[in-house]
Amino acid sequence: MAMSTFQSFKHEIVTAAALSKDAMHIYVGLAVFLVSAMFAKKGMRSMVPLVLVLLLAVAGEVLDLRDEIHRAGRWKFWASVHDFVNTAFWPLMLWLLARYTRVMK
């Protein structure tokens, strides 16, 4: 069965960047967080960048879920958790540091 447009797009990015899928999740999460923090009033302390990363991570996993069920008839739950954590972990850490410590001031 052929890959969906979403899966093909992800595959092309991973191939072009010559990075692992895990690394791409980390980079995309950080990029979305940092770029959106540049436009948020409170910068990295704002909830907006973190919420955008979380929404992106959930949306990506919903698309993966749809494709997995269509392709294999089941959901790889732990793979989705792994991808979600890879996408959201460092943005969450940066947000917590900015919000609750003086490290990011």
PDB file of N, CA and C in Angstrom:
ATOM      1  N   MET A   1       0.849  -1.187   0.000  1.00  0.00           N
ATOM      2  CA  MET A   1       0.000   0.000   0.000  1.00  0.00           C
ATOM      3  C   MET A   1       0.889   1.244   0.000  1.00  0.00           C
ATOM      4  N   ALA A   2       0.522   2.230  -0.783  1.00  0.00           N
ATOM      5  CA  ALA A   2       1.286   3.465  -0.901  1.00  0.00           C
ATOM      6  C   ALA A   2       1.151   4.306   0.360  1.00  0.00           C
ATOM      7  N   MET A   3       2.174   5.123   0.604  1.00  0.00           N
ATOM      8  CA  MET A   3       2.160   6.025   1.753  1.00  0.00           C
ATOM      9  C   MET A   3       1.177   7.161   1.501  1.00  0.00           C
ATOM     10  N   SER A   4       0.614   7.680   2.592  1.00  0.00           N
ATOM     11  CA  SER A   4      -0.248   8.856   2.480  1.00  0.00           C
ATOM     12  C   SER A   4       0.619  10.070   2.133  1.00  0.00           C
ATOM     13  N   THR A   5      -0.029  11.130   1.742  1.00  0.00           N
ATOM     14  CA  THR A   5       0.687  12.369   1.441  1.00  0.00           C
ATOM     15  C   THR A   5       1.466  12.840   2.664  1.00  0.00           C
ATOM     16  N   PHE A   6       0.861  12.742   3.841  1.00  0.00           N
ATOM     17  CA  PHE A   6       1.522  13.150   5.079  1.00  0.00           C
ATOM     18  C   PHE A   6       2.767  12.304   5.341  1.00  0.00           C
ATOM     19  N   GLN A   7       2.652  10.990   5.204  1.00  0.00           N
ATOM     20  CA  GLN A   7       3.792  10.105   5.446  1.00  0.00           C
ATOM     21  C   GLN A   7       4.886  10.336   4.401  1.00  0.00           C
ATOM     22  N   SER A   8       4.500  10.555   3.159  1.00  0.00           N
ATOM     23  CA  SER A   8       5.476  10.841   2.103  1.00  0.00           C
ATOM     24  C   SER A   8       6.225  12.135   2.397  1.00  0.00           C
ATOM     25  N   PHE A   9       5.488  13.150   2.851  1.00  0.00           N
ATOM     26  CA  PHE A   9       6.097  14.438   3.209  1.00  0.00           C
ATOM     27  C   PHE A   9       7.107  14.256   4.333  1.00  0.00           C
ATOM     28  N   LYS A  10       6.714  13.535   5.380  1.00  0.00           N
ATOM     29  CA  LYS A  10       7.632  13.284   6.500  1.00  0.00           C
ATOM     30  C   LYS A  10       8.871  12.531   6.027  1.00  0.00           C
ATOM     31  N   HIS A  11       8.663  11.531   5.186  1.00  0.00           N
ATOM     32  CA  HIS A  11       9.783  10.737   4.672  1.00  0.00           C
ATOM     33  C   HIS A  11      10.754  11.610   3.870  1.00  0.00           C
ATOM     34  N   GLU A  12      10.216  12.498   3.047  1.00  0.00           N
ATOM     35  CA  GLU A  12      11.064  13.386   2.249  1.00  0.00           C
ATOM     36  C   GLU A  12      11.884  14.323   3.127  1.00  0.00           C
ATOM     37  N   ILE A  13      11.278  14.855   4.176  1.00  0.00           N
ATOM     38  CA  ILE A  13      12.007  15.754   5.086  1.00  0.00           C
ATOM     39  C   ILE A  13      13.123  15.008   5.796  1.00  0.00           C
ATOM     40  N   VAL A  14      12.828  13.832   6.318  1.00  0.00           N
ATOM     41  CA  VAL A  14      13.835  13.031   7.019  1.00  0.00           C
ATOM     42  C   VAL A  14      14.979  12.678   6.075  1.00  0.00           C
ATOM     43  N   THR A  15      14.651  12.296   4.857  1.00  0.00           N
ATOM     44  CA  THR A  15      15.673  11.935   3.875  1.00  0.00           C
ATOM     45  C   THR A  15      16.519  13.150   3.492  1.00  0.00           C
ATOM     46  N   ALA A  16      15.871  14.272   3.211  1.00  0.00           N
ATOM     47  CA  ALA A  16      16.597  15.479   2.801  1.00  0.00           C
ATOM     48  C   ALA A  16      17.498  16.001   3.916  1.00  0.00           C
ATOM     49  N   ALA A  17      17.040  15.901   5.146  1.00  0.00           N
ATOM     50  CA  ALA A  17      17.813  16.408   6.282  1.00  0.00           C
ATOM     51  C   ALA A  17      18.884  15.426   6.739  1.00  0.00           C
ATOM     52  N   ALA A  18      18.800  14.193   6.281  1.00  0.00           N
ATOM     53  CA  ALA A  18      19.746  13.138   6.673  1.00  0.00           C
ATOM     54  C   ALA A  18      19.810  12.994   8.195  1.00  0.00           C
ATOM     55  N   LEU A  19      18.637  13.038   8.806  1.00  0.00           N
ATOM     56  CA  LEU A  19      18.518  12.873  10.257  1.00  0.00           C
ATOM     57  C   LEU A  19      17.545  11.743  10.543  1.00  0.00           C
ATOM     58  N   SER A  20      17.622  11.233  11.767  1.00  0.00           N
ATOM     59  CA  SER A  20      16.660  10.205  12.159  1.00  0.00           C
ATOM     60  C   SER A  20      15.292  10.832  12.374  1.00  0.00           C
ATOM     61  N   LYS A  21      14.279   9.983  12.357  1.00  0.00           N
ATOM     62  CA  LYS A  21      12.915  10.444  12.624  1.00  0.00           C
ATOM     63  C   LYS A  21      12.815  11.048  14.028  1.00  0.00           C
ATOM     64  N   ASP A  22      13.496  10.436  14.985  1.00  0.00           N
ATOM     65  CA  ASP A  22      13.482  10.967  16.356  1.00  0.00           C
ATOM     66  C   ASP A  22      14.076  12.375  16.404  1.00  0.00           C
ATOM     67  N   ALA A  23      15.212  12.564  15.730  1.00  0.00           N
ATOM     68  CA  ALA A  23      15.850  13.886  15.712  1.00  0.00           C
ATOM     69  C   ALA A  23      14.930  14.913  15.068  1.00  0.00           C
ATOM     70  N   MET A  24      14.241  14.535  14.013  1.00  0.00           N
ATOM     71  CA  MET A  24      13.335  15.473  13.349  1.00  0.00           C
ATOM     72  C   MET A  24      12.199  15.907  14.278  1.00  0.00           C
ATOM     73  N   HIS A  25      11.669  14.975  15.074  1.00  0.00           N
ATOM     74  CA  HIS A  25      10.629  15.350  16.045  1.00  0.00           C
ATOM     75  C   HIS A  25      11.175  16.390  17.017  1.00  0.00           C
ATOM     76  N   ILE A  26      12.373  16.177  17.494  1.00  0.00           N
ATOM     77  CA  ILE A  26      12.982  17.106  18.451  1.00  0.00           C
ATOM     78  C   ILE A  26      13.190  18.469  17.807  1.00  0.00           C
ATOM     79  N   TYR A  27      13.771  18.490  16.601  1.00  0.00           N
ATOM     80  CA  TYR A  27      14.027  19.761  15.919  1.00  0.00           C
ATOM     81  C   TYR A  27      12.754  20.511  15.577  1.00  0.00           C
ATOM     82  N   VAL A  28      11.743  19.803  15.109  1.00  0.00           N
ATOM     83  CA  VAL A  28      10.483  20.470  14.754  1.00  0.00           C
ATOM     84  C   VAL A  28       9.838  21.062  16.000  1.00  0.00           C
ATOM     85  N   GLY A  29       9.815  20.299  17.102  1.00  0.00           N
ATOM     86  CA  GLY A  29       9.244  20.821  18.342  1.00  0.00           C
ATOM     87  C   GLY A  29       9.965  22.071  18.815  1.00  0.00           C
ATOM     88  N   LEU A  30      11.295  22.033  18.796  1.00  0.00           N
ATOM     89  CA  LEU A  30      12.078  23.201  19.221  1.00  0.00           C
ATOM     90  C   LEU A  30      11.877  24.382  18.278  1.00  0.00           C
ATOM     91  N   ALA A  31      11.858  24.126  16.968  1.00  0.00           N
ATOM     92  CA  ALA A  31      11.687  25.211  16.007  1.00  0.00           C
ATOM     93  C   ALA A  31      10.335  25.891  16.168  1.00  0.00           C
ATOM     94  N   VAL A  32       9.279  25.110  16.297  1.00  0.00           N
ATOM     95  CA  VAL A  32       7.944  25.686  16.477  1.00  0.00           C
ATOM     96  C   VAL A  32       7.894  26.498  17.773  1.00  0.00           C
ATOM     97  N   PHE A  33       8.469  25.944  18.832  1.00  0.00           N
ATOM     98  CA  PHE A  33       8.469  26.644  20.117  1.00  0.00           C
ATOM     99  C   PHE A  33       9.229  27.970  20.029  1.00  0.00           C
ATOM    100  N   LEU A  34      10.441  27.933  19.500  1.00  0.00           N
ATOM    101  CA  LEU A  34      11.273  29.137  19.470  1.00  0.00           C
ATOM    102  C   LEU A  34      10.731  30.196  18.511  1.00  0.00           C
ATOM    103  N   VAL A  35      10.265  29.786  17.351  1.00  0.00           N
ATOM    104  CA  VAL A  35       9.714  30.763  16.399  1.00  0.00           C
ATOM    105  C   VAL A  35       8.445  31.389  16.957  1.00  0.00           C
ATOM    106  N   SER A  36       7.569  30.583  17.530  1.00  0.00           N
ATOM    107  CA  SER A  36       6.340  31.165  18.083  1.00  0.00           C
ATOM    108  C   SER A  36       6.627  32.004  19.323  1.00  0.00           C
ATOM    109  N   ALA A  37       7.665  31.668  20.076  1.00  0.00           N
ATOM    110  CA  ALA A  37       8.051  32.479  21.247  1.00  0.00           C
ATOM    111  C   ALA A  37       8.530  33.864  20.815  1.00  0.00           C
ATOM    112  N   MET A  38       9.138  33.938  19.628  1.00  0.00           N
ATOM    113  CA  MET A  38       9.591  35.248  19.125  1.00  0.00           C
ATOM    114  C   MET A  38       8.418  36.197  18.919  1.00  0.00           C
ATOM    115  N   PHE A  39       7.253  35.655  18.616  1.00  0.00           N
ATOM    116  CA  PHE A  39       6.085  36.484  18.331  1.00  0.00           C
ATOM    117  C   PHE A  39       5.135  36.623  19.518  1.00  0.00           C
ATOM    118  N   ALA A  40       5.367  35.862  20.564  1.00  0.00           N
ATOM    119  CA  ALA A  40       4.492  35.921  21.745  1.00  0.00           C
ATOM    120  C   ALA A  40       4.908  37.104  22.618  1.00  0.00           C
ATOM    121  N   LYS A  41       3.935  37.757  23.229  1.00  0.00           N
ATOM    122  CA  LYS A  41       4.215  38.915  24.077  1.00  0.00           C
ATOM    123  C   LYS A  41       5.203  38.598  25.205  1.00  0.00           C
ATOM    124  N   LYS A  42       5.012  37.477  25.848  1.00  0.00           N
ATOM    125  CA  LYS A  42       5.859  37.117  26.981  1.00  0.00           C
ATOM    126  C   LYS A  42       7.005  36.190  26.574  1.00  0.00           C
ATOM    127  N   GLY A  43       7.228  36.019  25.283  1.00  0.00           N
ATOM    128  CA  GLY A  43       8.316  35.176  24.819  1.00  0.00           C
ATOM    129  C   GLY A  43       8.117  33.725  25.232  1.00  0.00           C
ATOM    130  N   MET A  44       9.184  33.104  25.715  1.00  0.00           N
ATOM    131  CA  MET A  44       9.118  31.697  26.096  1.00  0.00           C
ATOM    132  C   MET A  44       8.272  31.455  27.336  1.00  0.00           C
ATOM    133  N   ARG A  45       7.969  32.505  28.094  1.00  0.00           N
ATOM    134  CA  ARG A  45       7.115  32.339  29.280  1.00  0.00           C
ATOM    135  C   ARG A  45       5.641  32.225  28.897  1.00  0.00           C
ATOM    136  N   SER A  46       5.309  32.630  27.700  1.00  0.00           N
ATOM    137  CA  SER A  46       3.926  32.570  27.232  1.00  0.00           C
ATOM    138  C   SER A  46       3.481  31.121  27.062  1.00  0.00           C
ATOM    139  N   MET A  47       2.200  30.892  27.287  1.00  0.00           N
ATOM    140  CA  MET A  47       1.624  29.562  27.048  1.00  0.00           C
ATOM    141  C   MET A  47       1.483  29.272  25.551  1.00  0.00           C
ATOM    142  N   VAL A  48       1.417  30.307  24.738  1.00  0.00           N
ATOM    143  CA  VAL A  48       1.153  30.146  23.304  1.00  0.00           C
ATOM    144  C   VAL A  48       2.168  29.223  22.626  1.00  0.00           C
ATOM    145  N   PRO A  49       3.480  29.453  22.771  1.00  0.00           N
ATOM    146  CA  PRO A  49       4.426  28.557  22.093  1.00  0.00           C
ATOM    147  C   PRO A  49       4.296  27.102  22.543  1.00  0.00           C
ATOM    148  N   LEU A  50       4.111  26.886  23.827  1.00  0.00           N
ATOM    149  CA  LEU A  50       3.984  25.525  24.338  1.00  0.00           C
ATOM    150  C   LEU A  50       2.708  24.866  23.809  1.00  0.00           C
ATOM    151  N   VAL A  51       1.618  25.595  23.819  1.00  0.00           N
ATOM    152  CA  VAL A  51       0.348  25.044  23.315  1.00  0.00           C
ATOM    153  C   VAL A  51       0.461  24.718  21.825  1.00  0.00           C
ATOM    154  N   LEU A  52       1.125  25.571  21.060  1.00  0.00           N
ATOM    155  CA  LEU A  52       1.304  25.287  19.630  1.00  0.00           C
ATOM    156  C   LEU A  52       2.100  24.005  19.410  1.00  0.00           C
ATOM    157  N   VAL A  53       3.154  23.810  20.187  1.00  0.00           N
ATOM    158  CA  VAL A  53       3.944  22.575  20.078  1.00  0.00           C
ATOM    159  C   VAL A  53       3.087  21.366  20.432  1.00  0.00           C
ATOM    160  N   LEU A  54       2.330  21.468  21.514  1.00  0.00           N
ATOM    161  CA  LEU A  54       1.483  20.346  21.929  1.00  0.00           C
ATOM    162  C   LEU A  54       0.416  20.042  20.882  1.00  0.00           C
ATOM    163  N   LEU A  55      -0.185  21.080  20.312  1.00  0.00           N
ATOM    164  CA  LEU A  55      -1.180  20.871  19.246  1.00  0.00           C
ATOM    165  C   LEU A  55      -0.550  20.233  18.019  1.00  0.00           C
ATOM    166  N   LEU A  56       0.643  20.688  17.655  1.00  0.00           N
ATOM    167  CA  LEU A  56       1.359  20.099  16.523  1.00  0.00           C
ATOM    168  C   LEU A  56       1.656  18.623  16.778  1.00  0.00           C
ATOM    169  N   ALA A  57       2.126  18.311  17.982  1.00  0.00           N
ATOM    170  CA  ALA A  57       2.455  16.925  18.320  1.00  0.00           C
ATOM    171  C   ALA A  57       1.203  16.043  18.270  1.00  0.00           C
ATOM    172  N   VAL A  58       0.108  16.528  18.813  1.00  0.00           N
ATOM    173  CA  VAL A  58      -1.144  15.761  18.791  1.00  0.00           C
ATOM    174  C   VAL A  58      -1.634  15.589  17.351  1.00  0.00           C
ATOM    175  N   ALA A  59      -1.603  16.660  16.568  1.00  0.00           N
ATOM    176  CA  ALA A  59      -2.060  16.583  15.177  1.00  0.00           C
ATOM    177  C   ALA A  59      -1.228  15.576  14.385  1.00  0.00           C
ATOM    178  N   GLY A  60       0.080  15.600  14.580  1.00  0.00           N
ATOM    179  CA  GLY A  60       0.945  14.647  13.893  1.00  0.00           C
ATOM    180  C   GLY A  60       0.630  13.218  14.268  1.00  0.00           C
ATOM    181  N   GLU A  61       0.369  12.993  15.534  1.00  0.00           N
ATOM    182  CA  GLU A  61       0.060  11.630  15.980  1.00  0.00           C
ATOM    183  C   GLU A  61      -1.328  11.187  15.536  1.00  0.00           C
ATOM    184  N   VAL A  62      -2.273  12.116  15.427  1.00  0.00           N
ATOM    185  CA  VAL A  62      -3.596  11.764  14.898  1.00  0.00           C
ATOM    186  C   VAL A  62      -3.469  11.344  13.432  1.00  0.00           C
ATOM    187  N   LEU A  63      -2.673  12.084  12.663  1.00  0.00           N
ATOM    188  CA  LEU A  63      -2.458  11.706  11.263  1.00  0.00           C
ATOM    189  C   LEU A  63      -1.743  10.359  11.158  1.00  0.00           C
ATOM    190  N   ASP A  64      -0.748  10.146  12.023  1.00  0.00           N
ATOM    191  CA  ASP A  64      -0.071   8.843  12.047  1.00  0.00           C
ATOM    192  C   ASP A  64      -1.047   7.729  12.419  1.00  0.00           C
ATOM    193  N   LEU A  65      -1.907   7.986  13.399  1.00  0.00           N
ATOM    194  CA  LEU A  65      -2.910   7.006  13.824  1.00  0.00           C
ATOM    195  C   LEU A  65      -3.815   6.633  12.654  1.00  0.00           C
ATOM    196  N   ARG A  66      -4.299   7.633  11.959  1.00  0.00           N
ATOM    197  CA  ARG A  66      -5.170   7.388  10.806  1.00  0.00           C
ATOM    198  C   ARG A  66      -4.462   6.520   9.768  1.00  0.00           C
ATOM    199  N   ASP A  67      -3.215   6.855   9.485  1.00  0.00           N
ATOM    200  CA  ASP A  67      -2.457   6.099   8.484  1.00  0.00           C
ATOM    201  C   ASP A  67      -2.153   4.682   8.951  1.00  0.00           C
ATOM    202  N   GLU A  68      -1.814   4.510  10.218  1.00  0.00           N
ATOM    203  CA  GLU A  68      -1.501   3.179  10.753  1.00  0.00           C
ATOM    204  C   GLU A  68      -2.729   2.273  10.735  1.00  0.00           C
ATOM    205  N   ILE A  69      -3.871   2.817  11.127  1.00  0.00           N
ATOM    206  CA  ILE A  69      -5.099   2.011  11.116  1.00  0.00           C
ATOM    207  C   ILE A  69      -5.466   1.639   9.685  1.00  0.00           C
ATOM    208  N   HIS A  70      -5.302   2.581   8.777  1.00  0.00           N
ATOM    209  CA  HIS A  70      -5.615   2.309   7.371  1.00  0.00           C
ATOM    210  C   HIS A  70      -4.642   1.285   6.787  1.00  0.00           C
ATOM    211  N   ARG A  71      -3.355   1.400   7.131  1.00  0.00           N
ATOM    212  CA  ARG A  71      -2.337   0.533   6.550  1.00  0.00           C
ATOM    213  C   ARG A  71      -2.251  -0.822   7.232  1.00  0.00           C
ATOM    214  N   ALA A  72      -2.211  -0.812   8.571  1.00  0.00           N
ATOM    215  CA  ALA A  72      -1.947  -2.049   9.313  1.00  0.00           C
ATOM    216  C   ALA A  72      -3.130  -2.532  10.151  1.00  0.00           C
ATOM    217  N   GLY A  73      -4.170  -1.729  10.253  1.00  0.00           N
ATOM    218  CA  GLY A  73      -5.332  -2.136  11.024  1.00  0.00           C
ATOM    219  C   GLY A  73      -5.180  -1.999  12.522  1.00  0.00           C
ATOM    220  N   ARG A  74      -4.115  -1.338  12.968  1.00  0.00           N
ATOM    221  CA  ARG A  74      -3.926  -1.146  14.412  1.00  0.00           C
ATOM    222  C   ARG A  74      -3.116   0.116  14.665  1.00  0.00           C
ATOM    223  N   TRP A  75      -3.148   0.556  15.915  1.00  0.00           N
ATOM    224  CA  TRP A  75      -2.443   1.755  16.334  1.00  0.00           C
ATOM    225  C   TRP A  75      -1.213   1.346  17.117  1.00  0.00           C
ATOM    226  N   LYS A  76      -0.082   1.896  16.762  1.00  0.00           N
ATOM    227  CA  LYS A  76       1.157   1.669  17.506  1.00  0.00           C
ATOM    228  C   LYS A  76       1.226   2.726  18.618  1.00  0.00           C
ATOM    229  N   PHE A  77       0.514   2.428  19.711  1.00  0.00           N
ATOM    230  CA  PHE A  77       0.352   3.396  20.794  1.00  0.00           C
ATOM    231  C   PHE A  77       1.683   3.881  21.344  1.00  0.00           C
ATOM    232  N   TRP A  78       2.589   2.974  21.676  1.00  0.00           N
ATOM    233  CA  TRP A  78       3.855   3.376  22.298  1.00  0.00           C
ATOM    234  C   TRP A  78       4.749   4.146  21.335  1.00  0.00           C
ATOM    235  N   ALA A  79       4.643   3.883  20.050  1.00  0.00           N
ATOM    236  CA  ALA A  79       5.376   4.671  19.059  1.00  0.00           C
ATOM    237  C   ALA A  79       4.844   6.104  19.045  1.00  0.00           C
ATOM    238  N   SER A  80       3.531   6.255  19.200  1.00  0.00           N
ATOM    239  CA  SER A  80       2.937   7.591  19.260  1.00  0.00           C
ATOM    240  C   SER A  80       3.375   8.333  20.517  1.00  0.00           C
ATOM    241  N   VAL A  81       3.403   7.640  21.639  1.00  0.00           N
ATOM    242  CA  VAL A  81       3.867   8.259  22.889  1.00  0.00           C
ATOM    243  C   VAL A  81       5.321   8.700  22.728  1.00  0.00           C
ATOM    244  N   HIS A  82       6.133   7.832  22.157  1.00  0.00           N
ATOM    245  CA  HIS A  82       7.548   8.133  21.933  1.00  0.00           C
ATOM    246  C   HIS A  82       7.705   9.399  21.074  1.00  0.00           C
ATOM    247  N   ASP A  83       6.974   9.481  19.976  1.00  0.00           N
ATOM    248  CA  ASP A  83       7.046  10.642  19.086  1.00  0.00           C
ATOM    249  C   ASP A  83       6.548  11.904  19.790  1.00  0.00           C
ATOM    250  N   PHE A  84       5.466  11.789  20.540  1.00  0.00           N
ATOM    251  CA  PHE A  84       4.920  12.941  21.262  1.00  0.00           C
ATOM    252  C   PHE A  84       5.940  13.474  22.260  1.00  0.00           C
ATOM    253  N   VAL A  85       6.555  12.579  23.011  1.00  0.00           N
ATOM    254  CA  VAL A  85       7.565  12.996  23.997  1.00  0.00           C
ATOM    255  C   VAL A  85       8.752  13.646  23.301  1.00  0.00           C
ATOM    256  N   ASN A  86       9.214  13.047  22.204  1.00  0.00           N
ATOM    257  CA  ASN A  86      10.339  13.640  21.472  1.00  0.00           C
ATOM    258  C   ASN A  86      10.012  15.053  20.993  1.00  0.00           C
ATOM    259  N   THR A  87       8.804  15.280  20.563  1.00  0.00           N
ATOM    260  CA  THR A  87       8.404  16.589  20.056  1.00  0.00           C
ATOM    261  C   THR A  87       8.238  17.614  21.176  1.00  0.00           C
ATOM    262  N   ALA A  88       7.687  17.202  22.291  1.00  0.00           N
ATOM    263  CA  ALA A  88       7.288  18.156  23.335  1.00  0.00           C
ATOM    264  C   ALA A  88       8.266  18.308  24.492  1.00  0.00           C
ATOM    265  N   PHE A  89       9.181  17.369  24.691  1.00  0.00           N
ATOM    266  CA  PHE A  89      10.016  17.383  25.900  1.00  0.00           C
ATOM    267  C   PHE A  89      10.835  18.666  26.057  1.00  0.00           C
ATOM    268  N   TRP A  90      11.669  19.001  25.075  1.00  0.00           N
ATOM    269  CA  TRP A  90      12.536  20.173  25.236  1.00  0.00           C
ATOM    270  C   TRP A  90      11.771  21.491  25.212  1.00  0.00           C
ATOM    271  N   PRO A  91      10.745  21.659  24.392  1.00  0.00           N
ATOM    272  CA  PRO A  91       9.940  22.873  24.528  1.00  0.00           C
ATOM    273  C   PRO A  91       9.333  23.009  25.927  1.00  0.00           C
ATOM    274  N   LEU A  92       8.865  21.904  26.500  1.00  0.00           N
ATOM    275  CA  LEU A  92       8.319  21.955  27.855  1.00  0.00           C
ATOM    276  C   LEU A  92       9.395  22.353  28.860  1.00  0.00           C
ATOM    277  N   MET A  93      10.594  21.790  28.731  1.00  0.00           N
ATOM    278  CA  MET A  93      11.687  22.127  29.652  1.00  0.00           C
ATOM    279  C   MET A  93      12.055  23.609  29.541  1.00  0.00           C
ATOM    280  N   LEU A  94      12.150  24.118  28.305  1.00  0.00           N
ATOM    281  CA  LEU A  94      12.470  25.535  28.122  1.00  0.00           C
ATOM    282  C   LEU A  94      11.375  26.423  28.693  1.00  0.00           C
ATOM    283  N   TRP A  95      10.117  26.035  28.484  1.00  0.00           N
ATOM    284  CA  TRP A  95       8.998  26.812  29.012  1.00  0.00           C
ATOM    285  C   TRP A  95       9.029  26.833  30.548  1.00  0.00           C
ATOM    286  N   LEU A  96       9.270  25.669  31.146  1.00  0.00           N
ATOM    287  CA  LEU A  96       9.347  25.607  32.611  1.00  0.00           C
ATOM    288  C   LEU A  96      10.499  26.456  33.143  1.00  0.00           C
ATOM    289  N   LEU A  97      11.649  26.389  32.491  1.00  0.00           N
ATOM    290  CA  LEU A  97      12.792  27.215  32.909  1.00  0.00           C
ATOM    291  C   LEU A  97      12.472  28.697  32.784  1.00  0.00           C
ATOM    292  N   ALA A  98      11.866  29.095  31.668  1.00  0.00           N
ATOM    293  CA  ALA A  98      11.531  30.501  31.450  1.00  0.00           C
ATOM    294  C   ALA A  98      10.460  30.977  32.419  1.00  0.00           C
ATOM    295  N   ARG A  99       9.526  30.121  32.701  1.00  0.00           N
ATOM    296  CA  ARG A  99       8.372  30.510  33.504  1.00  0.00           C
ATOM    297  C   ARG A  99       8.661  30.512  35.003  1.00  0.00           C
ATOM    298  N   TYR A 100       9.452  29.552  35.476  1.00  0.00           N
ATOM    299  CA  TYR A 100       9.570  29.348  36.924  1.00  0.00           C
ATOM    300  C   TYR A 100      10.972  29.504  37.488  1.00  0.00           C
ATOM    301  N   THR A 101      11.938  29.894  36.686  1.00  0.00           N
ATOM    302  CA  THR A 101      13.292  30.113  37.215  1.00  0.00           C
ATOM    303  C   THR A 101      13.824  31.438  36.662  1.00  0.00           C
ATOM    304  N   ARG A 102      14.996  31.788  37.092  1.00  0.00           N
ATOM    305  CA  ARG A 102      15.664  32.983  36.575  1.00  0.00           C
ATOM    306  C   ARG A 102      16.690  32.631  35.497  1.00  0.00           C
ATOM    307  N   VAL A 103      16.795  31.374  35.162  1.00  0.00           N
ATOM    308  CA  VAL A 103      17.780  30.911  34.196  1.00  0.00           C
ATOM    309  C   VAL A 103      17.595  31.579  32.831  1.00  0.00           C
ATOM    310  N   MET A 104      16.371  31.777  32.399  1.00  0.00           N
ATOM    311  CA  MET A 104      16.079  32.304  31.067  1.00  0.00           C
ATOM    312  C   MET A 104      15.818  33.808  31.047  1.00  0.00           C
ATOM    313  N   LYS A 105      16.119  34.506  32.122  1.00  0.00           N
ATOM    314  CA  LYS A 105      15.845  35.954  32.167  1.00  0.00           C
ATOM    315  C   LYS A 105      17.043  36.756  31.793  1.00  0.00           C
TER     316      LYS A 105
END
